[in-house]
């Protein structure tokens, strides 16, 4: 088998010589570099970010999804993202995950550009609700994959790199390696996603509503495990959710996004007076109370209750981030915009 040498640029800027072979070892996933969590001041650093999706209708102005957004998190932080639907939480996580290109150098993750530095993908994990889904013509968007695949055979080489961590997660999540993916429930599918997404050690983990299908025990054990990851390895977790059971003592930081995609409040939990007040009063669920207080205040400011045959008790949204497809009942006029019957 032929062997050829090539030049590689190391992270220190010096060059080294490496050899590659044309055999099965080429398929082995790359080994992540040593943790950089202790080599940067901030795990997440966002500086006055404005972000908008392209307008979906001709002549329609772009609405900023994130407006003058700022965020700073030190390594080892556990940040909880709060906000109403459409406030920009998912967009923010995708930006931090390198899924969207931003202007300038306004978004840094682990001290480097969140989009342009591909090395981050070895130490950055992003999990959302779209895993295992695909768009199927004439069937719809987000259809689950139904392939007959054994869980133990999925990403087998990656699992084999971290056997102890894999076994720990298998036990924690209650995953059976013999499960077949075309026979699992939604909750079991989510457990498999978490197993494959967390088996490789991460410096930063971005979670977007991935615990919605989990039963209460698995979710509780998972949050404890993530807390251990931040305390023992200095990993950083940013977690967007609307489920606050068991999270009263979990976050170190809270970031609230208002309906304009701007920061409503951010900082360490100890600096939030309402949180300290509720804890002092012995409130049974401080995080839920904080979320409902802020969200109901926004409803009073930006929305009105609409009663009638077209939707009793429905809320008329004045959220500038609402997409045209949402305003059109799920349909975009597109080419039929100028059509007249």
Protein backbone atom coordinates (compact mmCIF):
# COMPACT_ATOMS: atom_id res chain seq x y z
CA UNK A 1 0.00 0.00 0.00
CA UNK A 2 1.43 3.34 -1.01
CA UNK A 3 2.38 5.88 1.62
CA UNK A 4 2.73 9.58 1.08
CA UNK A 5 3.87 12.37 3.39
CA UNK A 6 2.18 15.74 3.65
CA UNK A 7 2.61 18.90 5.67
CA UNK A 8 0.26 19.77 8.49
CA UNK A 9 -0.02 23.07 10.29
CA UNK A 10 -0.19 22.59 14.05
CA UNK A 11 -2.21 24.76 16.43
CA UNK A 12 1.00 26.47 17.54
CA UNK A 13 1.81 27.64 14.03
CA UNK A 14 4.75 25.26 13.49
CA UNK A 15 4.79 22.59 10.81
CA UNK A 16 5.09 18.88 11.30
CA UNK A 17 5.30 15.95 8.92
CA UNK A 18 2.64 13.26 8.98
CA UNK A 19 2.05 10.16 6.93
CA UNK A 20 -1.26 8.79 5.76
CA UNK A 21 -2.11 5.39 4.43
CA UNK A 22 -4.89 4.38 2.10
CA UNK A 23 -6.49 1.85 4.44
CA UNK A 24 -9.43 1.56 6.81
CA UNK A 25 -7.68 3.67 9.45
CA UNK A 26 -8.49 6.70 7.31
CA UNK A 27 -12.10 6.37 8.52
CA UNK A 28 -11.22 6.79 12.20
CA UNK A 29 -12.75 10.05 13.50
CA UNK A 30 -10.16 12.73 14.25
CA UNK A 31 -9.04 13.03 17.84
CA UNK A 32 -10.10 16.35 19.38
CA UNK A 33 -7.29 18.65 20.49
CA UNK A 34 -6.63 19.07 24.17
CA UNK A 35 -9.33 21.09 25.90
CA UNK A 36 -9.09 24.81 25.28
CA UNK A 37 -11.58 25.62 28.01
CA UNK A 38 -8.76 26.88 30.21
CA UNK A 39 -7.00 28.73 27.39
CA UNK A 40 -9.58 31.48 26.79
CA UNK A 41 -11.24 34.13 28.94
CA UNK A 42 -14.73 33.50 27.57
CA UNK A 43 -16.36 30.35 26.25
CA UNK A 44 -19.00 32.50 24.52
CA UNK A 45 -18.53 36.11 23.48
CA UNK A 46 -21.13 37.94 21.38
CA UNK A 47 -20.65 41.66 20.75
CA UNK A 48 -23.61 43.78 19.57
CA UNK A 49 -24.87 41.21 17.08
CA UNK A 50 -27.65 42.06 14.63
CA UNK A 51 -28.98 39.05 12.73
CA UNK A 52 -31.84 38.74 10.24
CA UNK A 53 -33.05 36.03 7.91
CA UNK A 54 -33.66 36.98 4.26
CA UNK A 55 -37.18 38.30 3.66
CA UNK A 56 -39.58 35.72 2.25
CA UNK A 57 -41.72 38.12 0.21
CA UNK A 58 -40.71 40.59 -2.53
CA UNK A 59 -40.35 44.07 -1.10
CA UNK A 60 -40.74 42.88 2.48
CA UNK A 61 -38.35 44.43 4.97
CA UNK A 62 -36.07 42.14 6.91
CA UNK A 63 -36.92 41.79 10.59
CA UNK A 64 -34.02 41.48 12.98
CA UNK A 65 -34.23 38.20 14.86
CA UNK A 66 -31.37 39.23 17.16
CA UNK A 67 -30.90 42.92 17.86
CA UNK A 68 -27.84 44.48 19.49
CA UNK A 69 -27.33 41.15 21.20
CA UNK A 70 -24.47 40.76 23.68
CA UNK A 71 -23.39 37.74 25.70
CA UNK A 72 -20.36 36.69 27.70
CA UNK A 73 -19.93 33.34 29.43
CA UNK A 74 -16.83 32.05 31.13
CA UNK A 75 -15.76 28.39 30.80
CA UNK A 76 -17.66 26.16 33.19
CA UNK A 77 -20.89 28.18 32.98
CA UNK A 78 -24.36 26.67 32.73
CA UNK A 79 -26.56 29.21 31.00
CA UNK A 80 -30.32 28.88 30.73
CA UNK A 81 -31.96 30.67 27.77
CA UNK A 82 -35.46 32.01 28.44
CA UNK A 83 -37.84 33.68 26.02
CA UNK A 84 -41.14 33.39 24.21
CA UNK A 85 -41.55 31.47 20.98
CA UNK A 86 -39.91 33.47 18.21
CA UNK A 87 -37.64 35.46 20.50
CA UNK A 88 -34.49 34.15 18.81
CA UNK A 89 -33.28 31.40 21.14
CA UNK A 90 -32.90 28.76 18.43
CA UNK A 91 -31.31 31.28 16.07
CA UNK A 92 -28.78 32.25 18.72
CA UNK A 93 -27.84 28.62 19.33
CA UNK A 94 -27.42 28.02 15.59
CA UNK A 95 -25.19 31.09 15.33
CA UNK A 96 -23.06 29.81 18.21
CA UNK A 97 -23.00 26.37 16.56
CA UNK A 98 -21.59 27.86 13.36
CA UNK A 99 -24.73 27.18 11.32
CA UNK A 100 -25.16 30.82 10.28
CA UNK A 101 -22.57 33.27 8.98
CA UNK A 102 -22.44 36.60 10.78
CA UNK A 103 -20.83 39.87 9.80
CA UNK A 104 -17.43 40.76 11.16
CA UNK A 105 -15.91 39.16 14.22
CA UNK A 106 -18.86 39.57 16.56
CA UNK A 107 -19.39 35.96 17.61
CA UNK A 108 -16.61 33.97 19.26
CA UNK A 109 -16.79 30.50 20.77
CA UNK A 110 -13.86 29.29 22.87
CA UNK A 111 -11.96 32.38 21.74
CA UNK A 112 -12.28 31.75 17.98
CA UNK A 113 -14.74 32.65 15.22
CA UNK A 114 -17.89 30.58 15.67
CA UNK A 115 -18.43 30.07 11.92
CA UNK A 116 -15.00 30.16 10.30
CA UNK A 117 -12.92 28.03 12.69
CA UNK A 118 -13.76 24.46 11.72
CA UNK A 119 -11.61 23.02 14.53
CA UNK A 120 -14.43 23.97 16.88
CA UNK A 121 -16.51 21.12 15.50
CA UNK A 122 -14.24 18.68 17.34
CA UNK A 123 -15.00 20.21 20.74
CA UNK A 124 -18.40 21.84 20.15
CA UNK A 125 -21.67 19.89 20.30
CA UNK A 126 -25.06 21.15 19.10
CA UNK A 127 -28.23 19.14 19.69
CA UNK A 128 -31.70 20.21 18.61
CA UNK A 129 -35.04 18.59 17.84
CA UNK A 130 -34.33 18.10 14.13
CA UNK A 131 -31.95 15.15 14.57
CA UNK A 132 -33.05 12.08 12.64
CA UNK A 133 -35.56 14.13 10.65
CA UNK A 134 -35.73 14.91 6.96
CA UNK A 135 -37.98 16.64 4.44
CA UNK A 136 -39.90 14.20 2.23
CA UNK A 137 -41.67 15.36 -0.92
CA UNK A 138 -45.48 15.21 -0.60
CA UNK A 139 -45.11 13.96 2.97
CA UNK A 140 -43.94 17.01 4.88
CA UNK A 141 -41.09 18.51 6.86
CA UNK A 142 -39.43 16.78 9.79
CA UNK A 143 -40.33 13.19 8.95
CA UNK A 144 -38.40 10.74 11.17
CA UNK A 145 -35.95 8.42 9.49
CA UNK A 146 -37.24 4.86 9.65
CA UNK A 147 -34.16 2.94 8.54
CA UNK A 148 -33.58 -0.46 10.16
CA UNK A 149 -30.33 0.45 11.93
CA UNK A 150 -28.96 -1.07 15.12
CA UNK A 151 -28.10 1.60 17.71
CA UNK A 152 -24.81 -0.10 18.60
CA UNK A 153 -23.71 0.14 14.97
CA UNK A 154 -24.38 3.86 14.57
CA UNK A 155 -21.17 5.91 14.55
CA UNK A 156 -19.43 2.77 15.77
CA UNK A 157 -15.89 4.11 15.38
CA UNK A 158 -16.72 7.22 17.40
CA UNK A 159 -18.27 5.12 20.16
CA UNK A 160 -15.20 2.87 20.22
CA UNK A 161 -12.92 5.87 20.83
CA UNK A 162 -14.56 6.59 24.20
CA UNK A 163 -15.74 3.21 25.57
CA UNK A 164 -15.96 4.27 29.22
CA UNK A 165 -17.87 7.45 28.41
CA UNK A 166 -20.15 5.52 26.05
CA UNK A 167 -20.94 2.91 28.71
CA UNK A 168 -21.65 5.66 31.24
CA UNK A 169 -24.09 7.38 28.87
CA UNK A 170 -25.75 4.10 27.86
CA UNK A 171 -26.51 3.42 31.52
CA UNK A 172 -27.49 7.02 32.27
CA UNK A 173 -29.89 7.34 29.33
CA UNK A 174 -31.21 3.79 29.47
CA UNK A 175 -30.26 3.05 25.87
CA UNK A 176 -30.21 -0.53 24.63
CA UNK A 177 -27.51 -0.95 21.93
CA UNK A 178 -29.73 -3.61 20.32
CA UNK A 179 -32.58 -1.18 19.65
CA UNK A 180 -33.55 -0.85 15.98
CA UNK A 181 -34.16 2.75 14.90
CA UNK A 182 -37.35 1.92 12.98
CA UNK A 183 -38.94 0.51 16.14
CA UNK A 184 -38.11 3.13 18.79
CA UNK A 185 -40.44 5.75 20.24
CA UNK A 186 -39.80 9.49 20.04
CA UNK A 187 -38.38 9.48 23.56
CA UNK A 188 -36.07 6.57 22.80
CA UNK A 189 -34.95 8.26 19.59
CA UNK A 190 -34.04 11.35 21.63
CA UNK A 191 -31.99 9.20 24.03
CA UNK A 192 -30.04 7.78 21.09
CA UNK A 193 -29.41 11.32 19.82
CA UNK A 194 -28.05 12.35 23.21
CA UNK A 195 -25.84 9.26 23.41
CA UNK A 196 -24.23 9.93 20.02
CA UNK A 197 -24.02 13.69 20.58
CA UNK A 198 -22.41 13.52 24.02
CA UNK A 199 -20.09 10.53 23.69
CA UNK A 200 -17.22 12.69 22.46
CA UNK A 201 -16.02 15.09 25.21
CA UNK A 202 -17.01 18.67 24.46
CA UNK A 203 -15.77 22.07 25.54
CA UNK A 204 -19.13 23.70 24.80
CA UNK A 205 -22.56 22.13 24.47
CA UNK A 206 -25.54 23.87 22.85
CA UNK A 207 -28.95 22.35 23.60
CA UNK A 208 -32.21 23.43 21.96
CA UNK A 209 -35.27 21.82 23.56
CA UNK A 210 -33.77 18.33 23.40
CA UNK A 211 -35.34 17.17 26.69
CA UNK A 212 -38.98 17.58 25.64
CA UNK A 213 -39.52 13.86 24.91
CA UNK A 214 -37.58 12.50 27.87
CA UNK A 215 -39.26 11.06 30.93
CA UNK A 216 -38.70 12.90 34.19
CA UNK A 217 -36.08 10.47 35.56
CA UNK A 218 -33.88 10.51 32.46
CA UNK A 219 -34.12 14.28 32.22
CA UNK A 220 -33.19 14.71 35.87
CA UNK A 221 -30.21 12.35 35.59
CA UNK A 222 -29.06 14.05 32.38
CA UNK A 223 -29.07 17.51 33.95
CA UNK A 224 -27.03 16.21 36.90
CA UNK A 225 -24.54 14.65 34.50
CA UNK A 226 -24.20 17.91 32.57
CA UNK A 227 -23.59 19.76 35.82
CA UNK A 228 -20.81 17.32 36.62
CA UNK A 229 -19.29 17.94 33.18
CA UNK A 230 -19.11 21.68 33.86
CA UNK A 231 -17.70 21.27 37.35
CA UNK A 232 -15.10 18.58 36.65
CA UNK A 233 -14.00 19.35 33.08
CA UNK A 234 -14.77 23.06 32.83
CA UNK A 235 -17.21 22.50 29.95
CA UNK A 236 -19.81 25.15 29.12
CA UNK A 237 -23.50 24.43 28.52
CA UNK A 238 -26.06 26.78 26.92
CA UNK A 239 -29.56 25.34 27.22
CA UNK A 240 -32.83 26.68 25.77
CA UNK A 241 -35.97 25.15 27.24
CA UNK A 242 -39.53 25.79 28.39
CA UNK A 243 -39.40 22.98 30.96
CA UNK A 244 -38.21 24.20 34.35
CA UNK A 245 -38.76 21.15 36.56
CA UNK A 246 -35.64 20.52 38.60
CA UNK A 247 -33.76 23.53 37.21
CA UNK A 248 -34.00 25.86 40.20
CA UNK A 249 -30.42 25.12 41.31
CA UNK A 250 -29.00 24.06 37.94
CA UNK A 251 -28.00 27.24 36.02
CA UNK A 252 -25.11 29.49 36.96
CA UNK A 253 -26.32 32.15 34.50
CA UNK A 254 -29.63 33.24 33.02
CA UNK A 255 -30.20 35.01 29.71
CA UNK A 256 -33.66 36.30 28.84
CA UNK A 257 -34.47 37.25 25.24
CA UNK A 258 -37.42 39.58 24.70
CA UNK A 259 -39.69 39.65 21.66
CA UNK A 260 -37.40 42.04 19.82
CA UNK A 261 -34.54 39.54 19.95
CA UNK A 262 -32.69 41.75 22.41
CA UNK A 263 -31.47 40.99 25.91
CA UNK A 264 -34.14 41.48 28.55
CA UNK A 265 -31.88 40.39 31.41
CA UNK A 266 -28.61 38.52 31.68
CA UNK A 267 -26.10 37.67 34.34
CA UNK A 268 -25.23 35.25 37.16
CA UNK A 269 -28.17 33.87 39.10
CA UNK A 270 -26.90 35.49 42.28
CA UNK A 271 -27.40 38.94 40.73
CA UNK A 272 -31.09 38.39 39.93
CA UNK A 273 -33.03 40.00 42.77
CA UNK A 274 -36.29 38.22 41.94
CA UNK A 275 -34.56 34.84 42.12
CA UNK A 276 -32.97 35.65 45.49
CA UNK A 277 -36.32 36.91 46.79
CA UNK A 278 -38.19 33.78 45.71
CA UNK A 279 -35.54 31.50 47.22
CA UNK A 280 -35.67 33.41 50.49
CA UNK A 281 -39.46 33.07 50.57
CA UNK A 282 -39.19 29.33 49.95
CA UNK A 283 -41.04 29.40 46.63
CA UNK A 284 -41.48 25.83 45.31
CA UNK A 285 -40.42 26.69 41.73
CA UNK A 286 -38.46 29.95 41.42
CA UNK A 287 -37.40 29.41 37.78
CA UNK A 288 -40.96 28.78 36.62
CA UNK A 289 -42.16 31.86 38.51
CA UNK A 290 -39.45 34.03 36.93
CA UNK A 291 -40.32 32.78 33.44
CA UNK A 292 -44.06 33.29 33.81
CA UNK A 293 -43.60 36.75 35.36
CA UNK A 294 -41.45 38.00 32.49
CA UNK A 295 -43.46 36.33 29.72
CA UNK A 296 -46.83 37.57 31.02
CA UNK A 297 -45.42 41.07 31.24
CA UNK A 298 -44.52 40.81 27.56
CA UNK A 299 -47.99 39.54 26.67
CA UNK A 300 -49.48 42.58 28.37
CA UNK A 301 -47.17 44.87 26.39
CA UNK A 302 -47.09 43.24 22.94
CA UNK A 303 -50.25 41.17 22.63
CA UNK A 304 -53.98 41.30 23.32
CA UNK A 305 -56.42 38.50 24.01
CA UNK A 306 -58.75 37.89 21.07
CA UNK A 307 -62.07 36.27 21.82
CA UNK A 308 -64.54 35.04 19.26
CA UNK A 309 -65.38 32.26 16.85
CA UNK A 310 -61.99 32.47 15.14
CA UNK A 311 -60.07 31.55 18.25
CA UNK A 312 -61.34 32.07 21.75
CA UNK A 313 -58.57 33.19 24.05
CA UNK A 314 -56.02 33.32 21.24
CA UNK A 315 -53.26 35.88 21.41
CA UNK A 316 -52.73 38.34 18.57
CA UNK A 317 -48.98 38.43 18.21
CA UNK A 318 -47.16 41.68 17.55
CA UNK A 319 -43.83 39.93 17.56
CA UNK A 320 -41.67 41.49 14.82
CA UNK A 321 -39.83 38.18 14.46
CA UNK A 322 -42.93 36.31 13.29
CA UNK A 323 -42.30 34.90 9.83
CA UNK A 324 -44.59 35.57 6.89
CA UNK A 325 -45.40 31.87 6.77
CA UNK A 326 -46.63 32.07 10.36
CA UNK A 327 -48.74 35.12 9.61
CA UNK A 328 -50.19 33.32 6.58
CA UNK A 329 -51.41 30.33 8.53
CA UNK A 330 -48.40 28.24 7.57
CA UNK A 331 -48.43 29.09 3.86
CA UNK A 332 -46.22 31.55 2.01
CA UNK A 333 -47.97 33.31 -0.92
CA UNK A 334 -44.74 33.15 -2.97
CA UNK A 335 -45.46 33.24 -6.71
CA UNK A 336 -49.18 33.72 -6.08
CA UNK A 337 -48.62 37.01 -4.28
CA UNK A 338 -50.06 39.16 -7.09
CA UNK A 339 -52.73 36.67 -8.14
CA UNK A 340 -56.28 37.99 -8.14
CA UNK A 341 -59.31 35.76 -8.52
